[in-house]
Amino acid sequence: MTKVQLRNLVQARSGDKGNTVNIAIFAPNRQLYDTLLLEVTPQRVKEHFSGLVKGEVIRYTLPNLYAMNFVCKDALDGGGSATMRLDNLGKCFASNLLRMEVEIDDSVNLLKS
């Protein structure tokens, strides 16, 4: 098993609407996707954003795209016009999630299939 940051494994995008952040990650192949389903859980995403995401984190899986979409509620301190945060938009959340470390078995293919 090897610990590795998501930035070395997946691509990600994020955005926001009101006080909710949406983060999608895309794996390059089925084997890595199946491993990430076990590693990148809603609970771990919420812990990773401790202090920022105060609400529920819901994960939607898109197995045909090797993708996961996380909806993080109560994540922007009230939303764009209500918050005192300097960077209040959800666009930076994807980059932040890519810092999360996961454990990957050495036999897992990390290349696009």
N, C-alpha and C. Protein backbone atom coordinates (compact mmCIF):
# COMPACT_ATOMS: atom_id res chain seq x y z
N MET A 1 0.84 -1.18 0.00
CA MET A 1 0.00 0.00 0.00
C MET A 1 0.89 1.25 0.00
N THR A 2 0.45 2.22 -0.77
CA THR A 2 1.18 3.48 -0.87
C THR A 2 0.22 4.63 -0.61
N LYS A 3 0.66 5.60 0.20
CA LYS A 3 -0.13 6.82 0.41
C LYS A 3 0.22 7.79 -0.70
N VAL A 4 -0.81 8.35 -1.31
CA VAL A 4 -0.60 9.28 -2.42
C VAL A 4 -1.70 10.33 -2.40
N GLN A 5 -1.36 11.54 -2.80
CA GLN A 5 -2.38 12.60 -2.87
C GLN A 5 -3.24 12.37 -4.11
N LEU A 6 -4.50 12.74 -3.99
CA LEU A 6 -5.43 12.60 -5.12
C LEU A 6 -4.92 13.33 -6.36
N ARG A 7 -4.18 14.42 -6.19
CA ARG A 7 -3.68 15.20 -7.33
C ARG A 7 -2.87 14.35 -8.29
N ASN A 8 -2.28 13.25 -7.80
CA ASN A 8 -1.48 12.36 -8.64
C ASN A 8 -2.31 11.26 -9.30
N LEU A 9 -3.61 11.24 -9.02
CA LEU A 9 -4.46 10.14 -9.49
C LEU A 9 -5.63 10.57 -10.36
N VAL A 10 -6.22 11.71 -10.07
CA VAL A 10 -7.51 12.08 -10.67
C VAL A 10 -7.49 13.52 -11.19
N GLN A 11 -8.53 13.82 -11.94
CA GLN A 11 -8.81 15.20 -12.31
C GLN A 11 -10.02 15.64 -11.49
N ALA A 12 -10.17 16.95 -11.29
CA ALA A 12 -11.27 17.44 -10.45
C ALA A 12 -11.78 18.79 -10.95
N ARG A 13 -13.05 19.03 -10.66
CA ARG A 13 -13.69 20.33 -10.95
C ARG A 13 -14.63 20.64 -9.81
N SER A 14 -14.84 21.92 -9.57
CA SER A 14 -15.79 22.29 -8.53
C SER A 14 -16.46 23.61 -8.87
N GLY A 15 -17.55 23.85 -8.18
CA GLY A 15 -18.30 25.10 -8.34
C GLY A 15 -19.21 25.29 -7.15
N ASP A 16 -20.01 26.33 -7.21
CA ASP A 16 -20.88 26.61 -6.08
C ASP A 16 -22.21 27.17 -6.56
N LYS A 17 -23.17 27.05 -5.70
CA LYS A 17 -24.49 27.66 -5.88
C LYS A 17 -24.99 27.96 -4.48
N GLY A 18 -25.12 29.25 -4.19
CA GLY A 18 -25.55 29.64 -2.84
C GLY A 18 -24.52 29.23 -1.81
N ASN A 19 -24.94 28.44 -0.85
CA ASN A 19 -24.09 28.02 0.25
C ASN A 19 -23.64 26.56 0.08
N THR A 20 -23.73 26.05 -1.15
CA THR A 20 -23.42 24.66 -1.44
C THR A 20 -22.27 24.57 -2.44
N VAL A 21 -21.34 23.65 -2.18
CA VAL A 21 -20.22 23.41 -3.09
C VAL A 21 -20.39 22.04 -3.73
N ASN A 22 -20.06 21.97 -5.00
CA ASN A 22 -20.11 20.75 -5.78
C ASN A 22 -18.68 20.42 -6.23
N ILE A 23 -18.20 19.20 -5.93
CA ILE A 23 -16.85 18.80 -6.33
C ILE A 23 -16.95 17.46 -7.05
N ALA A 24 -16.40 17.40 -8.26
CA ALA A 24 -16.38 16.16 -9.02
C ALA A 24 -14.94 15.71 -9.21
N ILE A 25 -14.71 14.40 -9.06
CA ILE A 25 -13.40 13.84 -9.37
C ILE A 25 -13.59 12.75 -10.43
N PHE A 26 -12.58 12.60 -11.28
CA PHE A 26 -12.63 11.68 -12.41
C PHE A 26 -11.39 10.80 -12.40
N ALA A 27 -11.58 9.49 -12.28
CA ALA A 27 -10.47 8.54 -12.29
C ALA A 27 -10.17 8.12 -13.74
N PRO A 28 -8.94 7.71 -14.02
CA PRO A 28 -8.58 7.34 -15.39
C PRO A 28 -9.01 5.94 -15.81
N ASN A 29 -9.35 5.07 -14.83
CA ASN A 29 -9.73 3.71 -15.20
C ASN A 29 -10.60 3.08 -14.11
N ARG A 30 -11.21 1.96 -14.44
CA ARG A 30 -12.15 1.28 -13.54
C ARG A 30 -11.47 0.79 -12.27
N GLN A 31 -10.28 0.22 -12.36
CA GLN A 31 -9.61 -0.32 -11.19
C GLN A 31 -9.33 0.77 -10.15
N LEU A 32 -8.83 1.90 -10.59
CA LEU A 32 -8.56 2.99 -9.66
C LEU A 32 -9.88 3.55 -9.12
N TYR A 33 -10.88 3.69 -9.99
CA TYR A 33 -12.19 4.18 -9.55
C TYR A 33 -12.75 3.31 -8.42
N ASP A 34 -12.68 1.99 -8.60
CA ASP A 34 -13.21 1.08 -7.57
C ASP A 34 -12.45 1.24 -6.25
N THR A 35 -11.16 1.47 -6.32
CA THR A 35 -10.36 1.71 -5.11
C THR A 35 -10.77 3.02 -4.46
N LEU A 36 -10.95 4.06 -5.26
CA LEU A 36 -11.31 5.37 -4.72
C LEU A 36 -12.70 5.37 -4.09
N LEU A 37 -13.59 4.51 -4.57
CA LEU A 37 -14.91 4.41 -3.93
C LEU A 37 -14.77 4.05 -2.44
N LEU A 38 -13.75 3.27 -2.13
CA LEU A 38 -13.52 2.88 -0.73
C LEU A 38 -12.77 3.94 0.05
N GLU A 39 -11.93 4.71 -0.62
CA GLU A 39 -11.06 5.68 0.03
C GLU A 39 -11.66 7.08 0.16
N VAL A 40 -12.38 7.52 -0.86
CA VAL A 40 -12.89 8.90 -0.89
C VAL A 40 -14.38 8.86 -0.56
N THR A 41 -14.65 8.77 0.71
CA THR A 41 -16.02 8.66 1.21
C THR A 41 -16.55 10.05 1.60
N PRO A 42 -17.85 10.19 1.72
CA PRO A 42 -18.39 11.47 2.19
C PRO A 42 -17.82 11.88 3.55
N GLN A 43 -17.61 10.92 4.44
CA GLN A 43 -17.08 11.22 5.76
C GLN A 43 -15.65 11.77 5.66
N ARG A 44 -14.84 11.15 4.80
CA ARG A 44 -13.45 11.62 4.65
C ARG A 44 -13.40 12.99 4.00
N VAL A 45 -14.28 13.23 3.04
CA VAL A 45 -14.32 14.56 2.40
C VAL A 45 -14.70 15.61 3.43
N LYS A 46 -15.71 15.31 4.25
CA LYS A 46 -16.11 16.26 5.29
C LYS A 46 -14.97 16.52 6.28
N GLU A 47 -14.26 15.47 6.67
CA GLU A 47 -13.11 15.64 7.57
C GLU A 47 -12.02 16.47 6.91
N HIS A 48 -11.80 16.24 5.63
CA HIS A 48 -10.76 16.99 4.90
C HIS A 48 -11.07 18.49 4.91
N PHE A 49 -12.35 18.83 4.83
CA PHE A 49 -12.78 20.22 4.84
C PHE A 49 -13.28 20.66 6.21
N SER A 50 -12.73 20.06 7.25
CA SER A 50 -13.12 20.39 8.62
C SER A 50 -13.02 21.90 8.86
N GLY A 51 -14.08 22.46 9.40
CA GLY A 51 -14.12 23.90 9.66
C GLY A 51 -14.68 24.70 8.51
N LEU A 52 -14.70 24.13 7.31
CA LEU A 52 -15.26 24.83 6.15
C LEU A 52 -16.63 24.28 5.78
N VAL A 53 -16.74 22.96 5.68
CA VAL A 53 -18.02 22.34 5.35
C VAL A 53 -18.70 21.97 6.66
N LYS A 54 -19.77 22.68 6.95
CA LYS A 54 -20.47 22.48 8.22
C LYS A 54 -21.70 21.59 8.07
N GLY A 55 -22.15 21.39 6.85
CA GLY A 55 -23.35 20.59 6.61
C GLY A 55 -23.00 19.20 6.10
N GLU A 56 -24.02 18.57 5.57
CA GLU A 56 -23.92 17.20 5.05
C GLU A 56 -23.09 17.16 3.77
N VAL A 57 -22.36 16.06 3.58
CA VAL A 57 -21.66 15.79 2.32
C VAL A 57 -22.31 14.55 1.71
N ILE A 58 -22.81 14.71 0.49
CA ILE A 58 -23.47 13.62 -0.22
C ILE A 58 -22.61 13.24 -1.42
N ARG A 59 -22.40 11.93 -1.61
CA ARG A 59 -21.62 11.47 -2.76
C ARG A 59 -22.55 10.80 -3.76
N TYR A 60 -22.42 11.22 -5.01
CA TYR A 60 -23.11 10.58 -6.13
C TYR A 60 -22.05 9.90 -6.98
N THR A 61 -22.29 8.65 -7.33
CA THR A 61 -21.31 7.92 -8.14
C THR A 61 -21.80 7.86 -9.59
N LEU A 62 -20.84 7.96 -10.49
CA LEU A 62 -21.10 7.86 -11.93
C LEU A 62 -20.14 6.81 -12.50
N PRO A 63 -20.46 5.53 -12.30
CA PRO A 63 -19.51 4.47 -12.65
C PRO A 63 -19.16 4.41 -14.14
N ASN A 64 -20.06 4.78 -15.01
CA ASN A 64 -19.75 4.74 -16.45
C ASN A 64 -18.72 5.79 -16.84
N LEU A 65 -18.59 6.85 -16.02
CA LEU A 65 -17.60 7.90 -16.28
C LEU A 65 -16.40 7.80 -15.35
N TYR A 66 -16.39 6.79 -14.46
CA TYR A 66 -15.36 6.66 -13.41
C TYR A 66 -15.27 7.95 -12.61
N ALA A 67 -16.44 8.48 -12.25
CA ALA A 67 -16.49 9.78 -11.57
C ALA A 67 -17.31 9.70 -10.28
N MET A 68 -17.04 10.65 -9.41
CA MET A 68 -17.82 10.86 -8.19
C MET A 68 -18.11 12.33 -8.08
N ASN A 69 -19.29 12.66 -7.61
CA ASN A 69 -19.68 14.05 -7.40
C ASN A 69 -20.07 14.22 -5.94
N PHE A 70 -19.41 15.15 -5.27
CA PHE A 70 -19.69 15.42 -3.87
C PHE A 70 -20.42 16.75 -3.75
N VAL A 71 -21.56 16.73 -3.08
CA VAL A 71 -22.32 17.94 -2.80
C VAL A 71 -22.13 18.25 -1.32
N CYS A 72 -21.50 19.38 -1.06
CA CYS A 72 -21.16 19.78 0.31
C CYS A 72 -22.06 20.95 0.71
N LYS A 73 -22.92 20.70 1.67
CA LYS A 73 -23.88 21.71 2.09
C LYS A 73 -23.32 22.56 3.23
N ASP A 74 -23.83 23.78 3.32
CA ASP A 74 -23.40 24.74 4.34
C ASP A 74 -21.87 24.85 4.33
N ALA A 75 -21.34 25.17 3.13
CA ALA A 75 -19.90 25.14 2.92
C ALA A 75 -19.28 26.50 2.63
N LEU A 76 -20.09 27.53 2.44
CA LEU A 76 -19.55 28.83 2.02
C LEU A 76 -19.90 29.95 2.98
N ASP A 77 -20.10 29.61 4.22
CA ASP A 77 -20.37 30.61 5.25
C ASP A 77 -21.53 31.53 4.86
N GLY A 78 -22.55 30.92 4.28
CA GLY A 78 -23.75 31.67 3.91
C GLY A 78 -23.88 31.97 2.43
N GLY A 79 -22.81 31.84 1.67
CA GLY A 79 -22.86 32.11 0.23
C GLY A 79 -22.18 33.41 -0.13
N GLY A 80 -22.10 33.66 -1.43
CA GLY A 80 -21.33 34.77 -1.98
C GLY A 80 -21.58 36.13 -1.38
N SER A 81 -22.82 36.52 -1.23
CA SER A 81 -23.11 37.87 -0.73
C SER A 81 -23.23 37.94 0.79
N ALA A 82 -23.20 36.79 1.46
CA ALA A 82 -23.40 36.78 2.91
C ALA A 82 -22.11 36.57 3.71
N THR A 83 -21.08 36.04 3.09
CA THR A 83 -19.89 35.64 3.83
C THR A 83 -18.87 36.77 3.98
N MET A 84 -18.03 36.63 4.98
CA MET A 84 -16.92 37.56 5.18
C MET A 84 -15.60 36.93 4.70
N ARG A 85 -15.66 35.70 4.17
CA ARG A 85 -14.45 35.05 3.66
C ARG A 85 -13.91 35.81 2.47
N LEU A 86 -12.59 35.85 2.35
CA LEU A 86 -11.98 36.50 1.21
C LEU A 86 -12.27 35.75 -0.08
N ASP A 87 -12.04 34.44 -0.09
CA ASP A 87 -12.33 33.63 -1.27
C ASP A 87 -13.53 32.77 -0.93
N ASN A 88 -14.68 33.25 -1.28
CA ASN A 88 -15.91 32.60 -0.85
C ASN A 88 -16.50 31.64 -1.88
N LEU A 89 -15.87 31.50 -3.02
CA LEU A 89 -16.44 30.66 -4.05
C LEU A 89 -15.97 29.22 -3.93
N GLY A 90 -16.75 28.32 -4.49
CA GLY A 90 -16.44 26.90 -4.42
C GLY A 90 -15.41 26.43 -5.43
N LYS A 91 -14.98 27.31 -6.32
CA LYS A 91 -14.04 26.90 -7.36
C LYS A 91 -12.72 26.37 -6.80
N CYS A 92 -12.31 26.85 -5.65
CA CYS A 92 -11.03 26.42 -5.08
C CYS A 92 -11.14 25.08 -4.34
N PHE A 93 -12.34 24.58 -4.13
CA PHE A 93 -12.50 23.34 -3.37
C PHE A 93 -11.91 22.13 -4.08
N ALA A 94 -11.95 22.09 -5.41
CA ALA A 94 -11.38 20.95 -6.14
C ALA A 94 -9.89 20.87 -5.88
N SER A 95 -9.20 22.00 -5.99
CA SER A 95 -7.75 22.01 -5.73
C SER A 95 -7.44 21.56 -4.31
N ASN A 96 -8.27 21.99 -3.38
CA ASN A 96 -8.06 21.61 -1.99
C ASN A 96 -8.29 20.11 -1.80
N LEU A 97 -9.33 19.55 -2.41
CA LEU A 97 -9.59 18.12 -2.26
C LEU A 97 -8.45 17.29 -2.85
N LEU A 98 -7.79 17.79 -3.89
CA LEU A 98 -6.70 17.05 -4.50
C LEU A 98 -5.51 16.87 -3.56
N ARG A 99 -5.49 17.59 -2.45
CA ARG A 99 -4.44 17.41 -1.43
C ARG A 99 -4.71 16.22 -0.51
N MET A 100 -5.93 15.69 -0.55
CA MET A 100 -6.28 14.55 0.31
C MET A 100 -5.39 13.34 -0.04
N GLU A 101 -4.90 12.67 1.00
CA GLU A 101 -4.11 11.46 0.79
C GLU A 101 -4.99 10.23 0.89
N VAL A 102 -4.75 9.27 -0.01
CA VAL A 102 -5.46 8.00 0.00
C VAL A 102 -4.43 6.88 -0.06
N GLU A 103 -4.84 5.69 0.36
CA GLU A 103 -3.96 4.53 0.29
C GLU A 103 -4.34 3.70 -0.92
N ILE A 104 -3.34 3.44 -1.76
CA ILE A 104 -3.56 2.70 -3.00
C ILE A 104 -2.67 1.46 -2.98
N ASP A 105 -3.26 0.32 -3.28
CA ASP A 105 -2.49 -0.91 -3.39
C ASP A 105 -1.53 -0.78 -4.56
N ASP A 106 -0.32 -1.27 -4.40
CA ASP A 106 0.70 -1.13 -5.43
C ASP A 106 0.33 -1.81 -6.73
N SER A 107 -0.62 -2.73 -6.70
CA SER A 107 -1.02 -3.43 -7.92
C SER A 107 -2.05 -2.67 -8.75
N VAL A 108 -2.59 -1.58 -8.22
CA VAL A 108 -3.63 -0.82 -8.93
C VAL A 108 -3.00 -0.04 -10.09
N ASN A 109 -3.62 -0.18 -11.26
CA ASN A 109 -3.18 0.54 -12.46
C ASN A 109 -3.57 2.01 -12.32
N LEU A 110 -2.60 2.90 -12.47
CA LEU A 110 -2.86 4.33 -12.33
C LEU A 110 -2.98 5.03 -13.68
N LEU A 111 -2.82 4.29 -14.76
CA LEU A 111 -2.85 4.87 -16.09
C LEU A 111 -4.22 4.76 -16.72
N LYS A 112 -4.46 5.62 -17.69
CA LYS A 112 -5.72 5.59 -18.41
C LYS A 112 -5.84 4.28 -19.17
N SER A 113 -7.03 3.67 -19.12
CA SER A 113 -7.22 2.40 -19.83
C SER A 113 -7.90 2.60 -21.16
